[in-house]
Amino acid sequence: MAKYVVEEPDVTIVSDKGQVVIPAYLRNKMGIKPRSKLLVYSVEDTIILKKLTLPDIRKEMQELWKEIDKKIAKYGEMSEEEIQAVIEKHRKEKRNRSKGA
């Protein structure tokens, strides 16, 4: 179970345009830079901002092809169905790792 450290609250002001300034120390701590994307949730009278991190598709594809190349080297050519099964297994393992983190 994840542990959450609740820091002392800070105060910010909403501009006429609905903009909110995130304090610099929090931006630095969270790695939030200009153009960073944030998810916005509301829970009763609370607004939650969560940094949106998108997967590195190029890296994921390289990992997948390494797995497929290993299987081809060991067992020979693979069918489309076998390749799809490797991809699905990889994605399932990745989802399970991210849930455990």
N, C-alpha and C. Protein backbone atom coordinates (compact mmCIF):
# COMPACT_ATOMS: atom_id res chain seq x y z
N MET A 1 0.85 -1.18 0.00
CA MET A 1 0.00 0.00 0.00
C MET A 1 0.89 1.24 0.00
N ALA A 2 0.57 2.21 -0.83
CA ALA A 2 1.37 3.42 -0.97
C ALA A 2 1.24 4.28 0.27
N LYS A 3 2.35 4.91 0.64
CA LYS A 3 2.35 5.85 1.76
C LYS A 3 2.32 7.26 1.21
N TYR A 4 1.51 8.09 1.80
CA TYR A 4 1.40 9.46 1.35
C TYR A 4 1.89 10.39 2.45
N VAL A 5 2.76 11.30 2.10
CA VAL A 5 3.24 12.29 3.05
C VAL A 5 2.49 13.58 2.77
N VAL A 6 1.71 14.02 3.73
CA VAL A 6 0.95 15.25 3.56
C VAL A 6 1.81 16.39 4.09
N GLU A 7 2.14 17.31 3.20
CA GLU A 7 2.94 18.46 3.58
C GLU A 7 2.04 19.57 4.08
N GLU A 8 2.66 20.57 4.65
CA GLU A 8 1.90 21.74 5.09
C GLU A 8 1.24 22.38 3.88
N PRO A 9 0.00 22.83 4.02
CA PRO A 9 -0.67 23.46 2.88
C PRO A 9 -0.03 24.80 2.53
N ASP A 10 -0.20 25.17 1.28
CA ASP A 10 0.27 26.46 0.80
C ASP A 10 -0.95 27.19 0.24
N VAL A 11 -0.86 28.48 0.07
CA VAL A 11 -1.98 29.26 -0.45
C VAL A 11 -1.61 29.80 -1.82
N THR A 12 -2.55 29.70 -2.75
CA THR A 12 -2.38 30.29 -4.06
C THR A 12 -3.68 31.00 -4.40
N ILE A 13 -3.67 31.79 -5.44
CA ILE A 13 -4.85 32.58 -5.82
C ILE A 13 -5.26 32.21 -7.24
N VAL A 14 -6.55 32.16 -7.47
CA VAL A 14 -7.08 31.90 -8.80
C VAL A 14 -7.23 33.24 -9.51
N SER A 15 -6.67 33.32 -10.74
CA SER A 15 -6.75 34.57 -11.51
C SER A 15 -8.13 34.73 -12.13
N ASP A 16 -8.37 35.88 -12.76
CA ASP A 16 -9.63 36.12 -13.46
C ASP A 16 -9.86 35.11 -14.57
N LYS A 17 -8.78 34.57 -15.12
CA LYS A 17 -8.88 33.58 -16.19
C LYS A 17 -8.98 32.15 -15.66
N GLY A 18 -9.02 31.98 -14.33
CA GLY A 18 -9.12 30.65 -13.74
C GLY A 18 -7.77 29.96 -13.61
N GLN A 19 -6.69 30.71 -13.77
CA GLN A 19 -5.35 30.14 -13.67
C GLN A 19 -4.90 30.10 -12.22
N VAL A 20 -4.16 29.03 -11.90
CA VAL A 20 -3.63 28.85 -10.55
C VAL A 20 -2.12 28.70 -10.65
N VAL A 21 -1.38 29.36 -9.76
CA VAL A 21 0.07 29.22 -9.73
C VAL A 21 0.42 28.08 -8.77
N ILE A 22 1.17 27.10 -9.28
CA ILE A 22 1.67 26.02 -8.43
C ILE A 22 3.01 26.51 -7.88
N PRO A 23 3.19 26.52 -6.57
CA PRO A 23 4.44 27.03 -6.00
C PRO A 23 5.67 26.37 -6.63
N ALA A 24 6.74 27.17 -6.79
CA ALA A 24 7.95 26.71 -7.47
C ALA A 24 8.54 25.46 -6.83
N TYR A 25 8.56 25.39 -5.50
CA TYR A 25 9.17 24.22 -4.85
C TYR A 25 8.41 22.94 -5.19
N LEU A 26 7.09 23.05 -5.36
CA LEU A 26 6.30 21.87 -5.75
C LEU A 26 6.53 21.52 -7.22
N ARG A 27 6.60 22.54 -8.09
CA ARG A 27 6.88 22.29 -9.51
C ARG A 27 8.23 21.60 -9.66
N ASN A 28 9.23 22.08 -8.94
CA ASN A 28 10.56 21.47 -9.01
C ASN A 28 10.54 20.04 -8.48
N LYS A 29 9.89 19.85 -7.35
CA LYS A 29 9.82 18.52 -6.73
C LYS A 29 9.13 17.51 -7.65
N MET A 30 8.09 17.94 -8.35
CA MET A 30 7.29 17.05 -9.20
C MET A 30 7.77 17.02 -10.64
N GLY A 31 8.76 17.85 -10.97
CA GLY A 31 9.26 17.88 -12.35
C GLY A 31 8.25 18.48 -13.32
N ILE A 32 7.46 19.43 -12.84
CA ILE A 32 6.46 20.08 -13.69
C ILE A 32 7.10 21.29 -14.35
N LYS A 33 7.11 21.29 -15.66
CA LYS A 33 7.72 22.36 -16.45
C LYS A 33 6.63 23.01 -17.30
N PRO A 34 6.93 24.14 -17.94
CA PRO A 34 5.92 24.72 -18.84
C PRO A 34 5.48 23.69 -19.87
N ARG A 35 4.21 23.66 -20.15
CA ARG A 35 3.56 22.74 -21.10
C ARG A 35 3.36 21.33 -20.53
N SER A 36 3.73 21.09 -19.26
CA SER A 36 3.43 19.79 -18.64
C SER A 36 1.92 19.62 -18.60
N LYS A 37 1.48 18.40 -18.74
CA LYS A 37 0.05 18.11 -18.70
C LYS A 37 -0.30 17.56 -17.32
N LEU A 38 -1.44 18.03 -16.80
CA LEU A 38 -1.92 17.59 -15.49
C LEU A 38 -3.34 17.05 -15.63
N LEU A 39 -3.62 15.98 -14.92
CA LEU A 39 -5.00 15.49 -14.82
C LEU A 39 -5.65 16.26 -13.68
N VAL A 40 -6.92 16.60 -13.83
CA VAL A 40 -7.63 17.36 -12.80
C VAL A 40 -8.83 16.55 -12.34
N TYR A 41 -8.89 16.31 -11.04
CA TYR A 41 -9.99 15.57 -10.43
C TYR A 41 -10.68 16.46 -9.42
N SER A 42 -11.97 16.25 -9.22
CA SER A 42 -12.66 16.92 -8.12
C SER A 42 -13.31 15.85 -7.25
N VAL A 43 -13.12 16.00 -5.96
CA VAL A 43 -13.73 15.11 -4.97
C VAL A 43 -14.36 16.02 -3.94
N GLU A 44 -15.69 16.10 -3.97
CA GLU A 44 -16.44 17.01 -3.11
C GLU A 44 -15.87 18.43 -3.23
N ASP A 45 -15.29 18.98 -2.15
CA ASP A 45 -14.78 20.35 -2.23
C ASP A 45 -13.26 20.39 -2.43
N THR A 46 -12.69 19.31 -2.97
CA THR A 46 -11.25 19.21 -3.15
C THR A 46 -10.91 19.07 -4.63
N ILE A 47 -9.88 19.78 -5.06
CA ILE A 47 -9.37 19.65 -6.43
C ILE A 47 -8.01 18.96 -6.33
N ILE A 48 -7.82 17.93 -7.13
CA ILE A 48 -6.57 17.17 -7.14
C ILE A 48 -5.94 17.31 -8.52
N LEU A 49 -4.66 17.68 -8.56
CA LEU A 49 -3.90 17.74 -9.80
C LEU A 49 -2.90 16.59 -9.78
N LYS A 50 -2.81 15.86 -10.87
CA LYS A 50 -1.87 14.75 -10.97
C LYS A 50 -1.08 14.90 -12.26
N LYS A 51 0.24 14.81 -12.15
CA LYS A 51 1.09 14.93 -13.32
C LYS A 51 0.80 13.76 -14.26
N LEU A 52 0.58 14.09 -15.53
CA LEU A 52 0.31 13.08 -16.54
C LEU A 52 1.62 12.67 -17.18
N THR A 53 1.96 11.41 -17.06
CA THR A 53 3.17 10.91 -17.71
C THR A 53 2.75 9.92 -18.77
N LEU A 54 3.17 10.20 -19.98
CA LEU A 54 2.84 9.34 -21.10
C LEU A 54 3.95 8.33 -21.32
N PRO A 55 3.60 7.12 -21.72
CA PRO A 55 4.63 6.10 -21.93
C PRO A 55 5.53 6.44 -23.11
N ASP A 56 6.76 5.97 -23.05
CA ASP A 56 7.71 6.15 -24.14
C ASP A 56 7.47 5.00 -25.12
N ILE A 57 6.69 5.28 -26.15
CA ILE A 57 6.29 4.25 -27.11
C ILE A 57 7.49 3.64 -27.82
N ARG A 58 8.47 4.46 -28.18
CA ARG A 58 9.65 3.95 -28.88
C ARG A 58 10.37 2.92 -28.01
N LYS A 59 10.55 3.24 -26.72
CA LYS A 59 11.23 2.32 -25.80
C LYS A 59 10.42 1.03 -25.64
N GLU A 60 9.11 1.17 -25.50
CA GLU A 60 8.26 -0.01 -25.35
C GLU A 60 8.34 -0.91 -26.58
N MET A 61 8.34 -0.32 -27.77
CA MET A 61 8.43 -1.13 -28.99
C MET A 61 9.79 -1.82 -29.09
N GLN A 62 10.86 -1.13 -28.68
CA GLN A 62 12.18 -1.76 -28.69
C GLN A 62 12.22 -2.97 -27.76
N GLU A 63 11.61 -2.84 -26.57
CA GLU A 63 11.55 -3.96 -25.63
C GLU A 63 10.76 -5.12 -26.23
N LEU A 64 9.64 -4.81 -26.87
CA LEU A 64 8.83 -5.86 -27.50
C LEU A 64 9.60 -6.59 -28.58
N TRP A 65 10.27 -5.85 -29.45
CA TRP A 65 10.99 -6.50 -30.55
C TRP A 65 12.17 -7.31 -30.05
N LYS A 66 12.78 -6.89 -28.93
CA LYS A 66 13.86 -7.69 -28.34
C LYS A 66 13.30 -9.06 -27.90
N GLU A 67 12.14 -9.03 -27.24
CA GLU A 67 11.51 -10.28 -26.80
C GLU A 67 11.18 -11.16 -28.01
N ILE A 68 10.63 -10.55 -29.05
CA ILE A 68 10.25 -11.31 -30.24
C ILE A 68 11.49 -11.86 -30.94
N ASP A 69 12.55 -11.05 -31.05
CA ASP A 69 13.79 -11.52 -31.67
C ASP A 69 14.39 -12.70 -30.91
N LYS A 70 14.34 -12.66 -29.56
CA LYS A 70 14.85 -13.77 -28.76
C LYS A 70 14.07 -15.05 -29.07
N LYS A 71 12.74 -14.93 -29.14
CA LYS A 71 11.92 -16.12 -29.43
C LYS A 71 12.19 -16.64 -30.84
N ILE A 72 12.37 -15.75 -31.80
CA ILE A 72 12.66 -16.18 -33.17
C ILE A 72 14.01 -16.89 -33.22
N ALA A 73 15.01 -16.34 -32.50
CA ALA A 73 16.34 -16.96 -32.47
C ALA A 73 16.27 -18.36 -31.85
N LYS A 74 15.42 -18.52 -30.86
CA LYS A 74 15.32 -19.80 -30.16
C LYS A 74 14.43 -20.81 -30.88
N TYR A 75 13.28 -20.34 -31.41
CA TYR A 75 12.29 -21.27 -31.96
C TYR A 75 12.06 -21.13 -33.47
N GLY A 76 12.66 -20.15 -34.11
CA GLY A 76 12.42 -19.94 -35.53
C GLY A 76 11.32 -18.90 -35.74
N GLU A 77 10.93 -18.73 -37.00
CA GLU A 77 9.93 -17.71 -37.34
C GLU A 77 8.65 -17.89 -36.53
N MET A 78 7.95 -16.74 -36.31
CA MET A 78 6.71 -16.75 -35.53
C MET A 78 5.55 -16.29 -36.41
N SER A 79 4.37 -16.81 -36.11
CA SER A 79 3.17 -16.38 -36.82
C SER A 79 2.69 -15.06 -36.24
N GLU A 80 1.77 -14.41 -36.94
CA GLU A 80 1.18 -13.16 -36.44
C GLU A 80 0.52 -13.39 -35.07
N GLU A 81 -0.13 -14.53 -34.91
CA GLU A 81 -0.81 -14.85 -33.64
C GLU A 81 0.20 -14.97 -32.51
N GLU A 82 1.35 -15.60 -32.79
CA GLU A 82 2.38 -15.75 -31.76
C GLU A 82 2.98 -14.39 -31.38
N ILE A 83 3.19 -13.55 -32.36
CA ILE A 83 3.71 -12.20 -32.10
C ILE A 83 2.70 -11.42 -31.27
N GLN A 84 1.43 -11.51 -31.63
CA GLN A 84 0.39 -10.80 -30.88
C GLN A 84 0.33 -11.30 -29.44
N ALA A 85 0.52 -12.61 -29.24
CA ALA A 85 0.52 -13.18 -27.89
C ALA A 85 1.68 -12.61 -27.06
N VAL A 86 2.85 -12.45 -27.67
CA VAL A 86 4.00 -11.87 -26.97
C VAL A 86 3.69 -10.42 -26.57
N ILE A 87 3.09 -9.67 -27.48
CA ILE A 87 2.73 -8.27 -27.20
C ILE A 87 1.74 -8.19 -26.05
N GLU A 88 0.71 -9.02 -26.09
CA GLU A 88 -0.31 -9.01 -25.03
C GLU A 88 0.31 -9.38 -23.68
N LYS A 89 1.19 -10.39 -23.67
CA LYS A 89 1.86 -10.80 -22.43
C LYS A 89 2.70 -9.65 -21.89
N HIS A 90 3.45 -8.98 -22.77
CA HIS A 90 4.29 -7.85 -22.36
C HIS A 90 3.43 -6.73 -21.75
N ARG A 91 2.34 -6.40 -22.39
CA ARG A 91 1.47 -5.33 -21.89
C ARG A 91 0.84 -5.70 -20.55
N LYS A 92 0.44 -6.97 -20.39
CA LYS A 92 -0.16 -7.42 -19.14
C LYS A 92 0.87 -7.33 -18.01
N GLU A 93 2.11 -7.77 -18.27
CA GLU A 93 3.16 -7.69 -17.26
C GLU A 93 3.44 -6.24 -16.90
N LYS A 94 3.43 -5.36 -17.89
CA LYS A 94 3.68 -3.94 -17.65
C LYS A 94 2.57 -3.34 -16.78
N ARG A 95 1.32 -3.70 -17.07
CA ARG A 95 0.19 -3.20 -16.26
C ARG A 95 0.33 -3.68 -14.82
N ASN A 96 0.69 -4.96 -14.66
CA ASN A 96 0.83 -5.51 -13.32
C ASN A 96 1.95 -4.84 -12.54
N ARG A 97 3.08 -4.53 -13.23
CA ARG A 97 4.19 -3.83 -12.58
C ARG A 97 3.76 -2.43 -12.15
N SER A 98 3.01 -1.73 -13.01
CA SER A 98 2.61 -0.36 -12.68
C SER A 98 1.59 -0.33 -11.55
N LYS A 99 0.76 -1.36 -11.42
CA LYS A 99 -0.19 -1.44 -10.31
C LYS A 99 0.53 -1.68 -8.99
N GLY A 100 1.63 -2.43 -9.05
CA GLY A 100 2.38 -2.75 -7.85
C GLY A 100 3.28 -1.63 -7.38
N ALA A 101 3.53 -0.66 -8.28
CA ALA A 101 4.46 0.44 -7.93
C ALA A 101 3.80 1.49 -7.09
